[in-house]
Amino acid sequence: MQRVLRSQADFAKTLIRNQLTSLVIYEAITTTGAKAAALLPVANRFFNQVKDADLSAYKLAHRTLLSKTAIRKVFEEILPRYAKEETTFVSGHRLTPRRSDSSPQTLVRLIKLLEIEPEKKTVDNNSQPKLEPKLETGKKTNNE
């Protein structure tokens, strides 16, 4: 059964394309439950079709995504993170309802977010040891 987001099919298609473009750029978006339910299968299908990075994948990405920066990010940053055998790229997690109108919210995100490695500190053995400053006490001696 097809989910109906609005009465016009072209509006729903554009809405899904816009959310998919935002998902690629920001790697995590918060949206309503109905829109997330419509976006998840489309996003997983899109990433499965473009993971080969051949000419047809580039054509599909240009046809689907609305931004050139999103297309570039798919092929240069997102797809190298995933192995060839993976089939699920996007997951949805329910959040608390929106405060203003109590509509159910869902966090849609890429499963493998960019993992930032902590900077490794290098030790330079040739450097001279640092001298610690002398702490002065408030007591005065007789020599002063």
C-alpha atoms as a PDB file:
ATOM      1  CA  MET A   1       0.000   0.000   0.000  1.00  0.00           C
ATOM      2  CA  GLN A   2       1.349   3.399  -1.022  1.00  0.00           C
ATOM      3  CA  ARG A   3       1.581   6.031   1.707  1.00  0.00           C
ATOM      4  CA  VAL A   4      -0.158   9.265   0.868  1.00  0.00           C
ATOM      5  CA  LEU A   5       1.640  12.352   2.121  1.00  0.00           C
ATOM      6  CA  ARG A   6      -0.332  14.825   0.038  1.00  0.00           C
ATOM      7  CA  SER A   7      -2.930  14.478  -2.685  1.00  0.00           C
ATOM      8  CA  GLN A   8      -0.537  15.441  -5.491  1.00  0.00           C
ATOM      9  CA  ALA A   9       2.006  12.794  -6.440  1.00  0.00           C
ATOM     10  CA  ASP A  10       4.564  15.290  -7.738  1.00  0.00           C
ATOM     11  CA  PHE A  11       4.564  17.108  -4.385  1.00  0.00           C
ATOM     12  CA  ALA A  12       5.203  13.872  -2.476  1.00  0.00           C
ATOM     13  CA  LYS A  13       8.000  12.882  -4.865  1.00  0.00           C
ATOM     14  CA  THR A  14       9.673  16.287  -4.529  1.00  0.00           C
ATOM     15  CA  LEU A  15       9.293  16.162  -0.742  1.00  0.00           C
ATOM     16  CA  ILE A  16      11.046  12.760  -0.591  1.00  0.00           C
ATOM     17  CA  ARG A  17      13.823  13.963  -2.923  1.00  0.00           C
ATOM     18  CA  ASN A  18      14.321  17.076  -0.783  1.00  0.00           C
ATOM     19  CA  GLN A  19      14.514  15.026   2.417  1.00  0.00           C
ATOM     20  CA  LEU A  20      16.922  12.559   0.800  1.00  0.00           C
ATOM     21  CA  THR A  21      19.146  15.460  -0.275  1.00  0.00           C
ATOM     22  CA  SER A  22      19.085  16.867   3.278  1.00  0.00           C
ATOM     23  CA  LEU A  23      19.874  13.418   4.676  1.00  0.00           C
ATOM     24  CA  VAL A  24      22.933  13.158   2.447  1.00  0.00           C
ATOM     25  CA  ILE A  25      24.187  16.641   3.321  1.00  0.00           C
ATOM     26  CA  TYR A  26      23.568  16.567   7.091  1.00  0.00           C
ATOM     27  CA  GLU A  27      23.713  12.747   7.593  1.00  0.00           C
ATOM     28  CA  ALA A  28      20.876  12.955  10.157  1.00  0.00           C
ATOM     29  CA  ILE A  29      17.519  14.732   9.993  1.00  0.00           C
ATOM     30  CA  THR A  30      14.498  14.986  12.265  1.00  0.00           C
ATOM     31  CA  THR A  31      11.111  14.712  10.584  1.00  0.00           C
ATOM     32  CA  THR A  32       7.566  13.537  11.275  1.00  0.00           C
ATOM     33  CA  GLY A  33       6.790   9.850  11.553  1.00  0.00           C
ATOM     34  CA  ALA A  34       4.814   9.600   8.287  1.00  0.00           C
ATOM     35  CA  LYS A  35       7.505  11.350   6.244  1.00  0.00           C
ATOM     36  CA  ALA A  36      10.200   9.176   7.812  1.00  0.00           C
ATOM     37  CA  ALA A  37       8.234   6.010   7.021  1.00  0.00           C
ATOM     38  CA  ALA A  38       8.067   7.114   3.383  1.00  0.00           C
ATOM     39  CA  LEU A  39      11.738   8.184   3.281  1.00  0.00           C
ATOM     40  CA  LEU A  40      13.410   5.087   4.773  1.00  0.00           C
ATOM     41  CA  PRO A  41      12.740   2.575   1.960  1.00  0.00           C
ATOM     42  CA  VAL A  42      13.500   5.171  -0.715  1.00  0.00           C
ATOM     43  CA  ALA A  43      16.811   6.107   0.917  1.00  0.00           C
ATOM     44  CA  ASN A  44      17.912   2.490   1.403  1.00  0.00           C
ATOM     45  CA  ARG A  45      17.007   1.679  -2.205  1.00  0.00           C
ATOM     46  CA  PHE A  46      18.866   4.761  -3.449  1.00  0.00           C
ATOM     47  CA  PHE A  47      22.082   3.905  -1.582  1.00  0.00           C
ATOM     48  CA  ASN A  48      21.913   0.264  -2.713  1.00  0.00           C
ATOM     49  CA  GLN A  49      21.593   1.340  -6.337  1.00  0.00           C
ATOM     50  CA  VAL A  50      24.461   3.859  -6.281  1.00  0.00           C
ATOM     51  CA  LYS A  51      26.944   1.868  -4.193  1.00  0.00           C
ATOM     52  CA  ASP A  52      28.663   0.480  -7.325  1.00  0.00           C
ATOM     53  CA  ALA A  53      29.651   4.033  -8.398  1.00  0.00           C
ATOM     54  CA  ASP A  54      29.395   3.319 -12.127  1.00  0.00           C
ATOM     55  CA  LEU A  55      27.893   5.525 -14.842  1.00  0.00           C
ATOM     56  CA  SER A  56      24.300   4.469 -14.142  1.00  0.00           C
ATOM     57  CA  ALA A  57      24.802   5.258 -10.447  1.00  0.00           C
ATOM     58  CA  TYR A  58      25.986   8.776 -11.302  1.00  0.00           C
ATOM     59  CA  LYS A  59      22.984   9.266 -13.584  1.00  0.00           C
ATOM     60  CA  LEU A  60      20.612   8.063 -10.871  1.00  0.00           C
ATOM     61  CA  ALA A  61      22.203  10.389  -8.315  1.00  0.00           C
ATOM     62  CA  HIS A  62      21.893  13.373 -10.670  1.00  0.00           C
ATOM     63  CA  ARG A  63      18.292  12.451 -11.373  1.00  0.00           C
ATOM     64  CA  THR A  64      17.352  12.011  -7.708  1.00  0.00           C
ATOM     65  CA  LEU A  65      19.305  14.464  -5.574  1.00  0.00           C
ATOM     66  CA  LEU A  66      18.663  18.187  -5.806  1.00  0.00           C
ATOM     67  CA  SER A  67      22.147  19.498  -4.994  1.00  0.00           C
ATOM     68  CA  LYS A  68      25.534  19.022  -6.646  1.00  0.00           C
ATOM     69  CA  THR A  69      27.262  19.111  -3.281  1.00  0.00           C
ATOM     70  CA  ALA A  70      25.059  16.230  -2.122  1.00  0.00           C
ATOM     71  CA  ILE A  71      25.982  14.206  -5.218  1.00  0.00           C
ATOM     72  CA  ARG A  72      29.661  14.835  -4.615  1.00  0.00           C
ATOM     73  CA  LYS A  73      29.334  13.898  -0.950  1.00  0.00           C
ATOM     74  CA  VAL A  74      27.616  10.591  -1.771  1.00  0.00           C
ATOM     75  CA  PHE A  75      30.445   9.355  -3.959  1.00  0.00           C
ATOM     76  CA  GLU A  76      33.424  10.896  -2.160  1.00  0.00           C
ATOM     77  CA  GLU A  77      32.512  10.581   1.531  1.00  0.00           C
ATOM     78  CA  ILE A  78      29.500   8.380   2.245  1.00  0.00           C
ATOM     79  CA  LEU A  79      29.908   5.356  -0.028  1.00  0.00           C
ATOM     80  CA  PRO A  80      33.586   4.694   0.857  1.00  0.00           C
ATOM     81  CA  ARG A  81      32.474   4.142   4.487  1.00  0.00           C
ATOM     82  CA  TYR A  82      30.291   1.181   3.574  1.00  0.00           C
ATOM     83  CA  ALA A  83      31.393  -2.270   2.513  1.00  0.00           C
ATOM     84  CA  LYS A  84      29.972  -3.843  -0.646  1.00  0.00           C
ATOM     85  CA  GLU A  85      27.903  -6.470   1.205  1.00  0.00           C
ATOM     86  CA  GLU A  86      25.877  -4.098   3.395  1.00  0.00           C
ATOM     87  CA  THR A  87      22.249  -3.558   2.501  1.00  0.00           C
ATOM     88  CA  THR A  88      20.960  -1.164   5.166  1.00  0.00           C
ATOM     89  CA  PHE A  89      22.292   2.366   5.081  1.00  0.00           C
ATOM     90  CA  VAL A  90      19.610   4.397   6.875  1.00  0.00           C
ATOM     91  CA  SER A  91      17.816   3.869  10.181  1.00  0.00           C
ATOM     92  CA  GLY A  92      14.961   5.633  11.920  1.00  0.00           C
ATOM     93  CA  HIS A  93      14.588   6.207  15.660  1.00  0.00           C
ATOM     94  CA  ARG A  94      11.465   7.548  17.325  1.00  0.00           C
ATOM     95  CA  LEU A  95      11.802  10.702  19.364  1.00  0.00           C
ATOM     96  CA  THR A  96       9.487  12.489  21.754  1.00  0.00           C
ATOM     97  CA  PRO A  97       6.514  14.211  20.114  1.00  0.00           C
ATOM     98  CA  ARG A  98       6.925  17.773  18.929  1.00  0.00           C
ATOM     99  CA  ARG A  99       5.985  20.247  21.611  1.00  0.00           C
ATOM    100  CA  SER A 100       3.855  22.578  19.505  1.00  0.00           C
ATOM    101  CA  ASP A 101       1.425  20.140  17.888  1.00  0.00           C
ATOM    102  CA  SER A 102       2.345  16.763  19.465  1.00  0.00           C
ATOM    103  CA  SER A 103       3.143  15.156  16.110  1.00  0.00           C
ATOM    104  CA  PRO A 104       5.391  12.096  16.405  1.00  0.00           C
ATOM    105  CA  GLN A 105       9.007  12.842  15.500  1.00  0.00           C
ATOM    106  CA  THR A 106      11.585  10.466  14.018  1.00  0.00           C
ATOM    107  CA  LEU A 107      15.342  10.815  13.692  1.00  0.00           C
ATOM    108  CA  VAL A 108      16.480   9.470  10.321  1.00  0.00           C
ATOM    109  CA  ARG A 109      20.240   8.993  10.091  1.00  0.00           C
ATOM    110  CA  LEU A 110      22.935   7.151   8.230  1.00  0.00           C
ATOM    111  CA  ILE A 111      23.995   4.075  10.169  1.00  0.00           C
ATOM    112  CA  LYS A 112      27.724   4.676   9.874  1.00  0.00           C
ATOM    113  CA  LEU A 113      28.382   8.263  10.753  1.00  0.00           C
ATOM    114  CA  LEU A 114      31.802   9.678  10.130  1.00  0.00           C
ATOM    115  CA  GLU A 115      34.050   8.473  12.896  1.00  0.00           C
ATOM    116  CA  ILE A 116      36.600  11.049  13.925  1.00  0.00           C
ATOM    117  CA  GLU A 117      39.780   9.554  15.277  1.00  0.00           C
ATOM    118  CA  PRO A 118      41.325  11.332  18.263  1.00  0.00           C
ATOM    119  CA  GLU A 119      44.570  13.072  17.521  1.00  0.00           C
ATOM    120  CA  LYS A 120      47.593  11.072  18.554  1.00  0.00           C
ATOM    121  CA  LYS A 121      50.117  12.975  20.601  1.00  0.00           C
ATOM    122  CA  THR A 122      53.668  12.453  19.500  1.00  0.00           C
ATOM    123  CA  VAL A 123      56.446  12.500  22.042  1.00  0.00           C
ATOM    124  CA  ASP A 124      59.604  14.294  21.043  1.00  0.00           C
ATOM    125  CA  ASN A 125      62.507  12.710  22.893  1.00  0.00           C
ATOM    126  CA  ASN A 126      64.935  15.391  21.745  1.00  0.00           C
ATOM    127  CA  SER A 127      63.109  18.215  23.445  1.00  0.00           C
ATOM    128  CA  GLN A 128      64.433  19.596  26.690  1.00  0.00           C
ATOM    129  CA  PRO A 129      62.455  19.011  29.850  1.00  0.00           C
ATOM    130  CA  LYS A 130      60.224  21.829  30.917  1.00  0.00           C
ATOM    131  CA  LEU A 131      61.145  23.613  34.093  1.00  0.00           C
ATOM    132  CA  GLU A 132      58.422  23.910  36.639  1.00  0.00           C
ATOM    133  CA  PRO A 133      57.885  27.362  38.118  1.00  0.00           C
ATOM    134  CA  LYS A 134      58.830  27.828  41.753  1.00  0.00           C
ATOM    135  CA  LEU A 135      55.947  28.512  44.013  1.00  0.00           C
ATOM    136  CA  GLU A 136      56.511  31.278  46.497  1.00  0.00           C
ATOM    137  CA  THR A 137      55.066  30.917  49.924  1.00  0.00           C
ATOM    138  CA  GLY A 138      53.841  33.720  52.083  1.00  0.00           C
ATOM    139  CA  LYS A 139      56.362  33.005  54.855  1.00  0.00           C
ATOM    140  CA  LYS A 140      59.423  35.174  55.061  1.00  0.00           C
ATOM    141  CA  THR A 141      62.720  33.867  56.305  1.00  0.00           C
ATOM    142  CA  ASN A 142      65.183  35.689  58.559  1.00  0.00           C
ATOM    143  CA  ASN A 143      67.581  36.311  55.647  1.00  0.00           C
ATOM    144  CA  GLU A 144      65.183  38.651  53.921  1.00  0.00           C
END
